[in-house]
PDB file of N, CA and C in Angstrom:
ATOM      1  N   MET A   1     167.819 425.683 -59.501  1.00  0.00           N
ATOM      2  CA  MET A   1     168.601 424.507 -59.842  1.00  0.00           C
ATOM      3  C   MET A   1     167.896 423.262 -59.310  1.00  0.00           C
ATOM      4  N   THR A   2     167.993 422.293 -60.147  1.00  0.00           N
ATOM      5  CA  THR A   2     167.366 421.040 -59.746  1.00  0.00           C
ATOM      6  C   THR A   2     168.399 420.146 -59.073  1.00  0.00           C
ATOM      7  N   ILE A   3     167.926 419.116 -58.457  1.00  0.00           N
ATOM      8  CA  ILE A   3     168.820 418.196 -57.734  1.00  0.00           C
ATOM      9  C   ILE A   3     169.818 417.526 -58.682  1.00  0.00           C
ATOM     10  N   PRO A   4     169.442 417.076 -59.870  1.00  0.00           N
ATOM     11  CA  PRO A   4     170.445 416.483 -60.769  1.00  0.00           C
ATOM     12  C   PRO A   4     171.525 417.493 -61.182  1.00  0.00           C
ATOM     13  N   GLU A   5     171.147 418.754 -61.357  1.00  0.00           N
ATOM     14  CA  GLU A   5     172.147 419.765 -61.702  1.00  0.00           C
ATOM     15  C   GLU A   5     173.110 419.999 -60.535  1.00  0.00           C
ATOM     16  N   ILE A   6     172.578 420.031 -59.319  1.00  0.00           N
ATOM     17  CA  ILE A   6     173.433 420.216 -58.119  1.00  0.00           C
ATOM     18  C   ILE A   6     174.393 419.032 -57.982  1.00  0.00           C
ATOM     19  N   ILE A   7     173.888 417.837 -58.177  1.00  0.00           N
ATOM     20  CA  ILE A   7     174.744 416.641 -58.077  1.00  0.00           C
ATOM     21  C   ILE A   7     175.815 416.672 -59.170  1.00  0.00           C
ATOM     22  N   SER A   8     175.457 417.081 -60.360  1.00  0.00           N
ATOM     23  CA  SER A   8     176.418 417.168 -61.460  1.00  0.00           C
ATOM     24  C   SER A   8     177.491 418.211 -61.160  1.00  0.00           C
ATOM     25  N   THR A   9     177.083 419.354 -60.593  1.00  0.00           N
ATOM     26  CA  THR A   9     178.047 420.399 -60.254  1.00  0.00           C
ATOM     27  C   THR A   9     178.993 419.929 -59.149  1.00  0.00           C
ATOM     28  N   VAL A  10     178.449 419.302 -58.115  1.00  0.00           N
ATOM     29  CA  VAL A  10     179.281 418.787 -57.012  1.00  0.00           C
ATOM     30  C   VAL A  10     180.236 417.725 -57.537  1.00  0.00           C
ATOM     31  N   LYS A  11     179.727 416.882 -58.435  1.00  0.00           N
ATOM     32  CA  LYS A  11     180.567 415.832 -59.025  1.00  0.00           C
ATOM     33  C   LYS A  11     181.728 416.455 -59.789  1.00  0.00           C
ATOM     34  N   ASP A  12     181.468 417.499 -60.575  1.00  0.00           N
ATOM     35  CA  ASP A  12     182.508 418.171 -61.347  1.00  0.00           C
ATOM     36  C   ASP A  12     183.537 418.829 -60.421  1.00  0.00           C
ATOM     37  N   ILE A  13     183.068 419.435 -59.336  1.00  0.00           N
ATOM     38  CA  ILE A  13     183.983 420.061 -58.368  1.00  0.00           C
ATOM     39  C   ILE A  13     184.861 419.006 -57.712  1.00  0.00           C
ATOM     40  N   LEU A  14     184.266 417.889 -57.287  1.00  0.00           N
ATOM     41  CA  LEU A  14     185.046 416.812 -56.664  1.00  0.00           C
ATOM     42  C   LEU A  14     186.032 416.186 -57.650  1.00  0.00           C
ATOM     43  N   LEU A  15     185.618 416.053 -58.899  1.00  0.00           N
ATOM     44  CA  LEU A  15     186.495 415.509 -59.930  1.00  0.00           C
ATOM     45  C   LEU A  15     187.694 416.433 -60.167  1.00  0.00           C
ATOM     46  N   GLY A  16     187.445 417.735 -60.199  1.00  0.00           N
ATOM     47  CA  GLY A  16     188.539 418.710 -60.345  1.00  0.00           C
ATOM     48  C   GLY A  16     189.475 418.677 -59.147  1.00  0.00           C
ATOM     49  N   ALA A  17     188.893 418.591 -57.930  1.00  0.00           N
ATOM     50  CA  ALA A  17     189.725 418.517 -56.725  1.00  0.00           C
ATOM     51  C   ALA A  17     190.562 417.245 -56.731  1.00  0.00           C
ATOM     52  N   ALA A  18     189.998 416.142 -57.201  1.00  0.00           N
ATOM     53  CA  ALA A  18     190.741 414.885 -57.281  1.00  0.00           C
ATOM     54  C   ALA A  18     191.897 415.008 -58.268  1.00  0.00           C
ATOM     55  N   ALA A  19     191.661 415.679 -59.378  1.00  0.00           N
ATOM     56  CA  ALA A  19     192.720 415.872 -60.379  1.00  0.00           C
ATOM     57  C   ALA A  19     193.851 416.725 -59.812  1.00  0.00           C
ATOM     58  N   VAL A  20     193.499 417.801 -59.110  1.00  0.00           N
ATOM     59  CA  VAL A  20     194.510 418.662 -58.490  1.00  0.00           C
ATOM     60  C   VAL A  20     195.292 417.880 -57.436  1.00  0.00           C
ATOM     61  N   THR A  21     194.599 417.098 -56.619  1.00  0.00           N
ATOM     62  CA  THR A  21     195.258 416.291 -55.590  1.00  0.00           C
ATOM     63  C   THR A  21     196.198 415.278 -56.223  1.00  0.00           C
ATOM     64  N   THR A  22     195.755 414.627 -57.286  1.00  0.00           N
ATOM     65  CA  THR A  22     196.601 413.644 -57.973  1.00  0.00           C
ATOM     66  C   THR A  22     197.852 414.304 -58.541  1.00  0.00           C
ATOM     67  N   ALA A  23     197.700 415.448 -59.150  1.00  0.00           N
ATOM     68  CA  ALA A  23     198.850 416.159 -59.711  1.00  0.00           C
ATOM     69  C   ALA A  23     199.817 416.575 -58.613  1.00  0.00           C
ATOM     70  N   THR A  24     199.285 417.050 -57.488  1.00  0.00           N
ATOM     71  CA  THR A  24     200.137 417.467 -56.371  1.00  0.00           C
ATOM     72  C   THR A  24     200.921 416.278 -55.813  1.00  0.00           C
ATOM     73  N   VAL A  25     200.237 415.173 -55.611  1.00  0.00           N
ATOM     74  CA  VAL A  25     200.911 413.968 -55.096  1.00  0.00           C
ATOM     75  C   VAL A  25     201.975 413.495 -56.083  1.00  0.00           C
ATOM     76  N   ALA A  26     201.693 413.564 -57.367  1.00  0.00           N
ATOM     77  CA  ALA A  26     202.665 413.142 -58.383  1.00  0.00           C
ATOM     78  C   ALA A  26     203.904 414.030 -58.357  1.00  0.00           C
ATOM     79  N   VAL A  27     203.722 415.345 -58.263  1.00  0.00           N
ATOM     80  CA  VAL A  27     204.862 416.266 -58.224  1.00  0.00           C
ATOM     81  C   VAL A  27     205.698 416.030 -56.971  1.00  0.00           C
ATOM     82  N   VAL A  28     205.048 415.885 -55.823  1.00  0.00           N
ATOM     83  CA  VAL A  28     205.776 415.626 -54.574  1.00  0.00           C
ATOM     84  C   VAL A  28     206.528 414.299 -54.664  1.00  0.00           C
ATOM     85  N   GLY A  29     205.883 413.283 -55.214  1.00  0.00           N
ATOM     86  CA  GLY A  29     206.525 411.976 -55.368  1.00  0.00           C
ATOM     87  C   GLY A  29     207.729 412.031 -56.280  1.00  0.00           C
ATOM     88  N   LEU A  30     207.634 412.742 -57.388  1.00  0.00           N
ATOM     89  CA  LEU A  30     208.764 412.872 -58.312  1.00  0.00           C
ATOM     90  C   LEU A  30     209.919 413.635 -57.674  1.00  0.00           C
ATOM     91  N   LYS A  31     209.619 414.663 -56.900  1.00  0.00           N
ATOM     92  CA  LYS A  31     210.684 415.402 -56.214  1.00  0.00           C
ATOM     93  C   LYS A  31     211.393 414.504 -55.200  1.00  0.00           C
ATOM     94  N   ASN A  32     210.609 413.738 -54.436  1.00  0.00           N
ATOM     95  CA  ASN A  32     211.211 412.829 -53.465  1.00  0.00           C
ATOM     96  C   ASN A  32     212.054 411.756 -54.158  1.00  0.00           C
ATOM     97  N   TRP A  33     211.546 411.223 -55.263  1.00  0.00           N
ATOM     98  CA  TRP A  33     212.281 410.212 -56.004  1.00  0.00           C
ATOM     99  C   TRP A  33     213.582 410.793 -56.551  1.00  0.00           C
ATOM    100  N   SER A  34     213.528 412.005 -57.078  1.00  0.00           N
ATOM    101  CA  SER A  34     214.727 412.662 -57.600  1.00  0.00           C
ATOM    102  C   SER A  34     215.754 412.879 -56.489  1.00  0.00           C
ATOM    103  N   ARG A  35     215.291 413.336 -55.337  1.00  0.00           N
ATOM    104  CA  ARG A  35     216.192 413.561 -54.207  1.00  0.00           C
ATOM    105  C   ARG A  35     216.812 412.243 -53.739  1.00  0.00           C
ATOM    106  N   GLU A  36     216.021 411.182 -53.696  1.00  0.00           N
ATOM    107  CA  GLU A  36     216.527 409.876 -53.286  1.00  0.00           C
ATOM    108  C   GLU A  36     217.563 409.353 -54.281  1.00  0.00           C
ATOM    109  N   LEU A  37     217.277 409.507 -55.560  1.00  0.00           N
ATOM    110  CA  LEU A  37     218.202 409.045 -56.591  1.00  0.00           C
ATOM    111  C   LEU A  37     219.530 409.800 -56.516  1.00  0.00           C
ATOM    112  N   ARG A  38     219.459 411.104 -56.320  1.00  0.00           N
ATOM    113  CA  ARG A  38     220.682 411.900 -56.192  1.00  0.00           C
ATOM    114  C   ARG A  38     221.457 411.485 -54.950  1.00  0.00           C
ATOM    115  N   GLY A  39     220.749 411.243 -53.856  1.00  0.00           N
ATOM    116  CA  GLY A  39     221.406 410.796 -52.622  1.00  0.00           C
ATOM    117  C   GLY A  39     222.079 409.446 -52.793  1.00  0.00           C
ATOM    118  N   LYS A  40     221.400 408.526 -53.473  1.00  0.00           N
ATOM    119  CA  LYS A  40     221.999 407.205 -53.713  1.00  0.00           C
ATOM    120  C   LYS A  40     223.246 407.327 -54.573  1.00  0.00           C
ATOM    121  N   THR A  41     223.184 408.172 -55.595  1.00  0.00           N
ATOM    122  CA  THR A  41     224.336 408.354 -56.476  1.00  0.00           C
ATOM    123  C   THR A  41     225.516 408.936 -55.710  1.00  0.00           C
ATOM    124  N   GLU A  42     225.261 409.953 -54.895  1.00  0.00           N
ATOM    125  CA  GLU A  42     226.333 410.545 -54.101  1.00  0.00           C
ATOM    126  C   GLU A  42     226.889 409.548 -53.094  1.00  0.00           C
ATOM    127  N   PHE A  43     226.015 408.754 -52.491  1.00  0.00           N
ATOM    128  CA  PHE A  43     226.459 407.753 -51.535  1.00  0.00           C
ATOM    129  C   PHE A  43     227.333 406.703 -52.217  1.00  0.00           C
ATOM    130  N   GLU A  44     226.910 406.225 -53.383  1.00  0.00           N
ATOM    131  CA  GLU A  44     227.693 405.221 -54.097  1.00  0.00           C
ATOM    132  C   GLU A  44     229.047 405.785 -54.527  1.00  0.00           C
ATOM    133  N   ALA A  45     229.072 407.039 -54.977  1.00  0.00           N
ATOM    134  CA  ALA A  45     230.343 407.661 -55.362  1.00  0.00           C
ATOM    135  C   ALA A  45     231.266 407.770 -54.153  1.00  0.00           C
ATOM    136  N   ALA A  46     230.728 408.198 -53.018  1.00  0.00           N
ATOM    137  CA  ALA A  46     231.544 408.295 -51.805  1.00  0.00           C
ATOM    138  C   ALA A  46     232.001 406.919 -51.353  1.00  0.00           C
ATOM    139  N   ARG A  47     231.139 405.938 -51.465  1.00  0.00           N
ATOM    140  CA  ARG A  47     231.496 404.566 -51.059  1.00  0.00           C
ATOM    141  C   ARG A  47     232.594 404.012 -51.969  1.00  0.00           C
ATOM    142  N   ASN A  48     232.476 404.225 -53.269  1.00  0.00           N
ATOM    143  CA  ASN A  48     233.520 403.768 -54.193  1.00  0.00           C
ATOM    144  C   ASN A  48     234.837 404.481 -53.940  1.00  0.00           C
ATOM    145  N   LEU A  49     234.776 405.775 -53.654  1.00  0.00           N
ATOM    146  CA  LEU A  49     235.990 406.520 -53.340  1.00  0.00           C
ATOM    147  C   LEU A  49     236.637 405.981 -52.071  1.00  0.00           C
ATOM    148  N   MET A  50     235.829 405.695 -51.067  1.00  0.00           N
ATOM    149  CA  MET A  50     236.349 405.158 -49.813  1.00  0.00           C
ATOM    150  C   MET A  50     236.994 403.789 -50.040  1.00  0.00           C
ATOM    151  N   LYS A  51     236.322 402.912 -50.798  1.00  0.00           N
ATOM    152  CA  LYS A  51     236.870 401.588 -51.066  1.00  0.00           C
ATOM    153  C   LYS A  51     238.191 401.691 -51.833  1.00  0.00           C
ATOM    154  N   THR A  52     238.222 402.578 -52.827  1.00  0.00           N
ATOM    155  CA  THR A  52     239.446 402.748 -53.612  1.00  0.00           C
ATOM    156  C   THR A  52     240.565 403.316 -52.760  1.00  0.00           C
ATOM    157  N   THR A  53     240.238 404.256 -51.884  1.00  0.00           N
ATOM    158  CA  THR A  53     241.256 404.835 -51.008  1.00  0.00           C
ATOM    159  C   THR A  53     241.838 403.776 -50.085  1.00  0.00           C
ATOM    160  N   TYR A  54     240.985 402.964 -49.499  1.00  0.00           N
ATOM    161  CA  TYR A  54     241.482 401.890 -48.638  1.00  0.00           C
ATOM    162  C   TYR A  54     242.296 400.876 -49.435  1.00  0.00           C
ATOM    163  N   ARG A  55     241.873 400.614 -50.658  1.00  0.00           N
ATOM    164  CA  ARG A  55     242.631 399.669 -51.486  1.00  0.00           C
ATOM    165  C   ARG A  55     244.004 400.240 -51.832  1.00  0.00           C
ATOM    166  N   VAL A  56     244.074 401.541 -52.144  1.00  0.00           N
ATOM    167  CA  VAL A  56     245.366 402.180 -52.411  1.00  0.00           C
ATOM    168  C   VAL A  56     246.251 402.073 -51.180  1.00  0.00           C
ATOM    169  N   ARG A  57     245.677 402.361 -50.008  1.00  0.00           N
ATOM    170  CA  ARG A  57     246.447 402.261 -48.771  1.00  0.00           C
ATOM    171  C   ARG A  57     246.992 400.850 -48.574  1.00  0.00           C
ATOM    172  N   ASP A  58     246.125 399.860 -48.734  1.00  0.00           N
ATOM    173  CA  ASP A  58     246.544 398.474 -48.529  1.00  0.00           C
ATOM    174  C   ASP A  58     247.588 398.039 -49.547  1.00  0.00           C
ATOM    175  N   GLU A  59     247.401 398.429 -50.800  1.00  0.00           N
ATOM    176  CA  GLU A  59     248.361 398.049 -51.833  1.00  0.00           C
ATOM    177  C   GLU A  59     249.706 398.742 -51.629  1.00  0.00           C
ATOM    178  N   LEU A  60     249.688 399.988 -51.188  1.00  0.00           N
ATOM    179  CA  LEU A  60     250.959 400.664 -50.900  1.00  0.00           C
ATOM    180  C   LEU A  60     251.684 399.996 -49.746  1.00  0.00           C
ATOM    181  N   LEU A  61     250.939 399.630 -48.715  1.00  0.00           N
ATOM    182  CA  LEU A  61     251.570 398.909 -47.601  1.00  0.00           C
ATOM    183  C   LEU A  61     252.127 397.574 -48.069  1.00  0.00           C
ATOM    184  N   TYR A  62     251.365 396.889 -48.910  1.00  0.00           N
ATOM    185  CA  TYR A  62     251.806 395.597 -49.421  1.00  0.00           C
ATOM    186  C   TYR A  62     253.029 395.750 -50.315  1.00  0.00           C
ATOM    187  N   SER A  63     253.031 396.755 -51.173  1.00  0.00           N
ATOM    188  CA  SER A  63     254.148 396.931 -52.094  1.00  0.00           C
ATOM    189  C   SER A  63     255.417 397.382 -51.371  1.00  0.00           C
ATOM    190  N   ARG A  64     255.259 398.019 -50.228  1.00  0.00           N
ATOM    191  CA  ARG A  64     256.426 398.444 -49.449  1.00  0.00           C
ATOM    192  C   ARG A  64     256.856 397.389 -48.449  1.00  0.00           C
ATOM    193  N   SER A  65     256.199 396.261 -48.470  1.00  0.00           N
ATOM    194  CA  SER A  65     256.506 395.180 -47.548  1.00  0.00           C
ATOM    195  C   SER A  65     257.939 394.693 -47.763  1.00  0.00           C
ATOM    196  N   PRO A  66     258.646 394.387 -46.681  1.00  0.00           N
ATOM    197  CA  PRO A  66     260.021 393.908 -46.835  1.00  0.00           C
ATOM    198  C   PRO A  66     260.091 392.473 -47.367  1.00  0.00           C
ATOM    199  N   PHE A  67     258.985 391.753 -47.364  1.00  0.00           N
ATOM    200  CA  PHE A  67     258.999 390.377 -47.847  1.00  0.00           C
ATOM    201  C   PHE A  67     259.176 390.342 -49.357  1.00  0.00           C
ATOM    202  N   VAL A  68     260.115 389.520 -49.811  1.00  0.00           N
ATOM    203  CA  VAL A  68     260.345 389.321 -51.236  1.00  0.00           C
ATOM    204  C   VAL A  68     260.226 387.828 -51.502  1.00  0.00           C
ATOM    205  N   GLY A  69     259.271 387.471 -52.301  1.00  0.00           N
ATOM    206  CA  GLY A  69     259.066 386.068 -52.620  1.00  0.00           C
ATOM    207  C   GLY A  69     260.086 385.564 -53.619  1.00  0.00           C
ATOM    208  N   ALA A  70     260.323 384.258 -53.603  1.00  0.00           N
ATOM    209  CA  ALA A  70     261.302 383.659 -54.517  1.00  0.00           C
ATOM    210  C   ALA A  70     260.883 383.844 -55.970  1.00  0.00           C
ATOM    211  N   GLY A  71     259.593 383.925 -56.228  1.00  0.00           N
ATOM    212  CA  GLY A  71     259.115 384.105 -57.590  1.00  0.00           C
ATOM    213  C   GLY A  71     259.426 385.466 -58.175  1.00  0.00           C
ATOM    214  N   GLU A  72     259.832 386.412 -57.343  1.00  0.00           N
ATOM    215  CA  GLU A  72     260.151 387.750 -57.849  1.00  0.00           C
ATOM    216  C   GLU A  72     261.578 387.854 -58.376  1.00  0.00           C
ATOM    217  N   PHE A  73     262.431 386.892 -58.034  1.00  0.00           N
ATOM    218  CA  PHE A  73     263.804 386.906 -58.523  1.00  0.00           C
ATOM    219  C   PHE A  73     263.835 386.441 -59.973  1.00  0.00           C
ATOM    220  N   PRO A  74     264.870 386.861 -60.740  1.00  0.00           N
ATOM    221  CA  PRO A  74     264.957 386.405 -62.129  1.00  0.00           C
ATOM    222  C   PRO A  74     265.179 384.888 -62.184  1.00  0.00           C
ATOM    223  N   SER A  75     264.785 384.286 -63.281  1.00  0.00           N
ATOM    224  CA  SER A  75     264.864 382.826 -63.384  1.00  0.00           C
ATOM    225  C   SER A  75     266.296 382.313 -63.401  1.00  0.00           C
ATOM    226  N   ASP A  76     267.248 383.128 -63.843  1.00  0.00           N
ATOM    227  CA  ASP A  76     268.641 382.666 -63.897  1.00  0.00           C
ATOM    228  C   ASP A  76     269.429 382.996 -62.626  1.00  0.00           C
ATOM    229  N   TYR A  77     268.760 383.449 -61.593  1.00  0.00           N
ATOM    230  CA  TYR A  77     269.432 383.784 -60.331  1.00  0.00           C
ATOM    231  C   TYR A  77     269.830 382.495 -59.617  1.00  0.00           C
ATOM    232  N   PRO A  78     271.121 382.324 -59.282  1.00  0.00           N
ATOM    233  CA  PRO A  78     271.565 381.055 -58.695  1.00  0.00           C
ATOM    234  C   PRO A  78     271.172 380.859 -57.231  1.00  0.00           C
ATOM    235  N   GLY A  79     270.843 381.903 -56.538  1.00  0.00           N
ATOM    236  CA  GLY A  79     270.492 381.797 -55.119  1.00  0.00           C
ATOM    237  C   GLY A  79     271.462 382.621 -54.281  1.00  0.00           C
ATOM    238  N   PRO A  80     271.063 382.976 -53.060  1.00  0.00           N
ATOM    239  CA  PRO A  80     271.905 383.870 -52.260  1.00  0.00           C
ATOM    240  C   PRO A  80     273.221 383.235 -51.812  1.00  0.00           C
ATOM    241  N   GLN A  81     273.276 381.913 -51.705  1.00  0.00           N
ATOM    242  CA  GLN A  81     274.509 381.279 -51.237  1.00  0.00           C
ATOM    243  C   GLN A  81     275.576 381.234 -52.317  1.00  0.00           C
ATOM    244  N   THR A  82     275.171 381.094 -53.569  1.00  0.00           N
ATOM    245  CA  THR A  82     276.158 380.936 -54.650  1.00  0.00           C
ATOM    246  C   THR A  82     276.279 382.166 -55.542  1.00  0.00           C
ATOM    247  N   ALA A  83     275.478 383.165 -55.340  1.00  0.00           N
ATOM    248  CA  ALA A  83     275.507 384.352 -56.204  1.00  0.00           C
ATOM    249  C   ALA A  83     276.678 385.256 -55.849  1.00  0.00           C
ATOM    250  N   LYS A  84     277.265 385.831 -56.876  1.00  0.00           N
ATOM    251  CA  LYS A  84     278.324 386.821 -56.675  1.00  0.00           C
ATOM    252  C   LYS A  84     277.671 388.174 -56.409  1.00  0.00           C
ATOM    253  N   ALA A  85     278.465 389.129 -56.012  1.00  0.00           N
ATOM    254  CA  ALA A  85     277.948 390.451 -55.633  1.00  0.00           C
ATOM    255  C   ALA A  85     277.225 391.120 -56.804  1.00  0.00           C
ATOM    256  N   ASP A  86     277.798 391.030 -58.009  1.00  0.00           N
ATOM    257  CA  ASP A  86     277.147 391.679 -59.151  1.00  0.00           C
ATOM    258  C   ASP A  86     275.847 390.956 -59.538  1.00  0.00           C
ATOM    259  N   GLN A  87     275.807 389.610 -59.391  1.00  0.00           N
ATOM    260  CA  GLN A  87     274.575 388.871 -59.654  1.00  0.00           C
ATOM    261  C   GLN A  87     273.490 389.237 -58.629  1.00  0.00           C
ATOM    262  N   GLU A  88     273.944 389.396 -57.382  1.00  0.00           N
ATOM    263  CA  GLU A  88     273.009 389.786 -56.317  1.00  0.00           C
ATOM    264  C   GLU A  88     272.420 391.172 -56.600  1.00  0.00           C
ATOM    265  N   ALA A  89     273.289 392.085 -57.006  1.00  0.00           N
ATOM    266  CA  ALA A  89     272.843 393.443 -57.314  1.00  0.00           C
ATOM    267  C   ALA A  89     271.886 393.438 -58.510  1.00  0.00           C
ATOM    268  N   GLN A  90     272.199 392.657 -59.536  1.00  0.00           N
ATOM    269  CA  GLN A  90     271.325 392.579 -60.705  1.00  0.00           C
ATOM    270  C   GLN A  90     269.974 391.956 -60.346  1.00  0.00           C
ATOM    271  N   ALA A  91     270.008 390.963 -59.457  1.00  0.00           N
ATOM    272  CA  ALA A  91     268.759 390.316 -59.037  1.00  0.00           C
ATOM    273  C   ALA A  91     267.868 391.306 -58.292  1.00  0.00           C
ATOM    274  N   TRP A  92     268.445 392.045 -57.366  1.00  0.00           N
ATOM    275  CA  TRP A  92     267.652 393.035 -56.626  1.00  0.00           C
ATOM    276  C   TRP A  92     267.169 394.147 -57.545  1.00  0.00           C
ATOM    277  N   ASN A  93     268.001 394.525 -58.496  1.00  0.00           N
ATOM    278  CA  ASN A  93     267.599 395.510 -59.486  1.00  0.00           C
ATOM    279  C   ASN A  93     266.397 394.999 -60.285  1.00  0.00           C
ATOM    280  N   TYR A  94     266.463 393.745 -60.680  1.00  0.00           N
ATOM    281  CA  TYR A  94     265.368 393.124 -61.424  1.00  0.00           C
ATOM    282  C   TYR A  94     264.076 393.140 -60.607  1.00  0.00           C
ATOM    283  N   ILE A  95     264.197 392.823 -59.332  1.00  0.00           N
ATOM    284  CA  ILE A  95     263.016 392.784 -58.462  1.00  0.00           C
ATOM    285  C   ILE A  95     262.350 394.152 -58.413  1.00  0.00           C
ATOM    286  N   TYR A  96     263.134 395.177 -58.161  1.00  0.00           N
ATOM    287  CA  TYR A  96     262.536 396.497 -58.000  1.00  0.00           C
ATOM    288  C   TYR A  96     262.083 397.104 -59.330  1.00  0.00           C
ATOM    289  N   MET A  97     262.671 396.662 -60.423  1.00  0.00           N
ATOM    290  CA  MET A  97     262.232 397.158 -61.726  1.00  0.00           C
ATOM    291  C   MET A  97     260.945 396.466 -62.176  1.00  0.00           C
ATOM    292  N   HIS A  98     260.778 395.222 -61.772  1.00  0.00           N
ATOM    293  CA  HIS A  98     259.641 394.425 -62.241  1.00  0.00           C
ATOM    294  C   HIS A  98     258.749 393.997 -61.087  1.00  0.00           C
ATOM    295  N   ARG A  99     258.613 394.817 -60.114  1.00  0.00           N
ATOM    296  CA  ARG A  99     257.818 394.451 -58.936  1.00  0.00           C
ATOM    297  C   ARG A  99     256.391 394.157 -59.379  1.00  0.00           C
ATOM    298  N   SER A 100     256.079 392.887 -59.508  1.00  0.00           N
ATOM    299  CA  SER A 100     254.800 392.478 -60.098  1.00  0.00           C
ATOM    300  C   SER A 100     253.616 392.921 -59.259  1.00  0.00           C
ATOM    301  N   ARG A 101     253.773 392.972 -57.953  1.00  0.00           N
ATOM    302  CA  ARG A 101     252.615 393.346 -57.139  1.00  0.00           C
ATOM    303  C   ARG A 101     252.239 394.805 -57.335  1.00  0.00           C
ATOM    304  N   VAL A 102     253.202 395.656 -57.647  1.00  0.00           N
ATOM    305  CA  VAL A 102     252.893 397.064 -57.906  1.00  0.00           C
ATOM    306  C   VAL A 102     252.282 397.218 -59.295  1.00  0.00           C
ATOM    307  N   ARG A 103     252.847 396.540 -60.275  1.00  0.00           N
ATOM    308  CA  ARG A 103     252.311 396.634 -61.641  1.00  0.00           C
ATOM    309  C   ARG A 103     250.882 396.123 -61.703  1.00  0.00           C
ATOM    310  N   HIS A 104     250.599 395.025 -61.006  1.00  0.00           N
ATOM    311  CA  HIS A 104     249.246 394.466 -60.991  1.00  0.00           C
ATOM    312  C   HIS A 104     248.259 395.493 -60.441  1.00  0.00           C
ATOM    313  N   PHE A 105     248.629 396.130 -59.362  1.00  0.00           N
ATOM    314  CA  PHE A 105     247.742 397.136 -58.771  1.00  0.00           C
ATOM    315  C   PHE A 105     247.601 398.341 -59.686  1.00  0.00           C
ATOM    316  N   GLN A 106     248.703 398.780 -60.288  1.00  0.00           N
ATOM    317  CA  GLN A 106     248.627 399.945 -61.172  1.00  0.00           C
ATOM    318  C   GLN A 106     247.708 399.676 -62.356  1.00  0.00           C
ATOM    319  N   SER A 107     247.765 398.482 -62.920  1.00  0.00           N
ATOM    320  CA  SER A 107     246.903 398.197 -64.063  1.00  0.00           C
ATOM    321  C   SER A 107     245.439 398.132 -63.622  1.00  0.00           C
ATOM    322  N   ASP A 108     245.172 397.558 -62.455  1.00  0.00           N
ATOM    323  CA  ASP A 108     243.794 397.514 -61.955  1.00  0.00           C
ATOM    324  C   ASP A 108     243.283 398.908 -61.635  1.00  0.00           C
ATOM    325  N   PHE A 109     244.098 399.703 -60.987  1.00  0.00           N
ATOM    326  CA  PHE A 109     243.673 401.032 -60.559  1.00  0.00           C
ATOM    327  C   PHE A 109     243.468 401.946 -61.757  1.00  0.00           C
ATOM    328  N   GLY A 110     244.305 401.818 -62.772  1.00  0.00           N
ATOM    329  CA  GLY A 110     244.188 402.668 -63.947  1.00  0.00           C
ATOM    330  C   GLY A 110     242.943 402.393 -64.768  1.00  0.00           C
ATOM    331  N   GLN A 111     242.421 401.165 -64.702  1.00  0.00           N
ATOM    332  CA  GLN A 111     241.267 400.814 -65.505  1.00  0.00           C
ATOM    333  C   GLN A 111     239.958 401.285 -64.889  1.00  0.00           C
ATOM    334  N   LYS A 112     239.938 401.497 -63.594  1.00  0.00           N
ATOM    335  CA  LYS A 112     238.705 401.902 -62.933  1.00  0.00           C
ATOM    336  C   LYS A 112     238.567 403.418 -63.032  1.00  0.00           C
ATOM    337  N   SER A 113     237.375 403.861 -63.247  1.00  0.00           N
ATOM    338  CA  SER A 113     237.131 405.294 -63.282  1.00  0.00           C
ATOM    339  C   SER A 113     236.120 405.637 -62.201  1.00  0.00           C
ATOM    340  N   ALA A 114     236.380 406.709 -61.519  1.00  0.00           N
ATOM    341  CA  ALA A 114     235.481 407.144 -60.453  1.00  0.00           C
ATOM    342  C   ALA A 114     234.240 407.781 -61.064  1.00  0.00           C
ATOM    343  N   PRO A 115     233.087 407.489 -60.522  1.00  0.00           N
ATOM    344  CA  PRO A 115     231.866 408.106 -61.050  1.00  0.00           C
ATOM    345  C   PRO A 115     231.841 409.600 -60.751  1.00  0.00           C
ATOM    346  N   VAL A 116     231.329 410.349 -61.671  1.00  0.00           N
ATOM    347  CA  VAL A 116     231.224 411.794 -61.497  1.00  0.00           C
ATOM    348  C   VAL A 116     229.811 412.124 -61.042  1.00  0.00           C
ATOM    349  N   VAL A 117     229.728 412.922 -60.005  1.00  0.00           N
ATOM    350  CA  VAL A 117     228.416 413.293 -59.470  1.00  0.00           C
ATOM    351  C   VAL A 117     228.083 414.690 -59.913  1.00  0.00           C
TER     352      VAL A 117
END
């Protein structure tokens, strides 16, 4: 064998080794990227679930709050000083039937969908 043939053979061997190394690095990189992407997706799903759970907790506490704003009473309600017993009962019935803070939360919560992992 002559020197140019030896150099050509060594070059071909190094070129093949470089190709194998490149393929190996690419496969390892794709596996790591896939694992990272799956981890991010699971983390985001857990984070969204946690946020929604805390929001449900807060909204339930808020909706069970004893405070009743004047805006929740019907528009024809004369007020607690001048209302008769049946008007008072109808007003409270109206409040609990049309509790706007609960309906607002229910409509928001129903529209959101949890991501599936």
